[in-house]
Amino acid sequence: MDPNIHDTLKPRRGRVRRLSPTVFLRRITKITVITIAMLNNMPKTGEYMFNAKPDTIRTGFTKQRSRTARRLQNPKLTQIHLHTLRHWKATMEHDRTKNIKYV
């Protein structure tokens, strides 16, 4: 059961609790009260904050990646995928914290 993002974005000491699809993997993310206010002021058109299907996000990313590769004349940019960004971020976090459980 996915949580409703509008219920989880309540200012409480500048933190937001984000529940993952598996209940035992909870993470608390620090964000400012200003950010929470901005998110709460966004139009609420659906149950979740960002009502996009995964295919829509993937298509938008692919189009933007292709445009950037053509503009910079660097075809290697087309080899970057969303999963690549996920692994890059995990690598950077591991280098920063040296704690594999945190990543």
Foldseek 3Di string as FASTA:
>chain_A
DADQQLVQLDDDPQWGWGADPDRVDIDIDGHHPVVSVVQNPDDPPDRHSDPDDPVVVQVVVQVVQVVVCVVVVNVVSNVDGPVNVVVVVLVVVCVVPVDNVVD
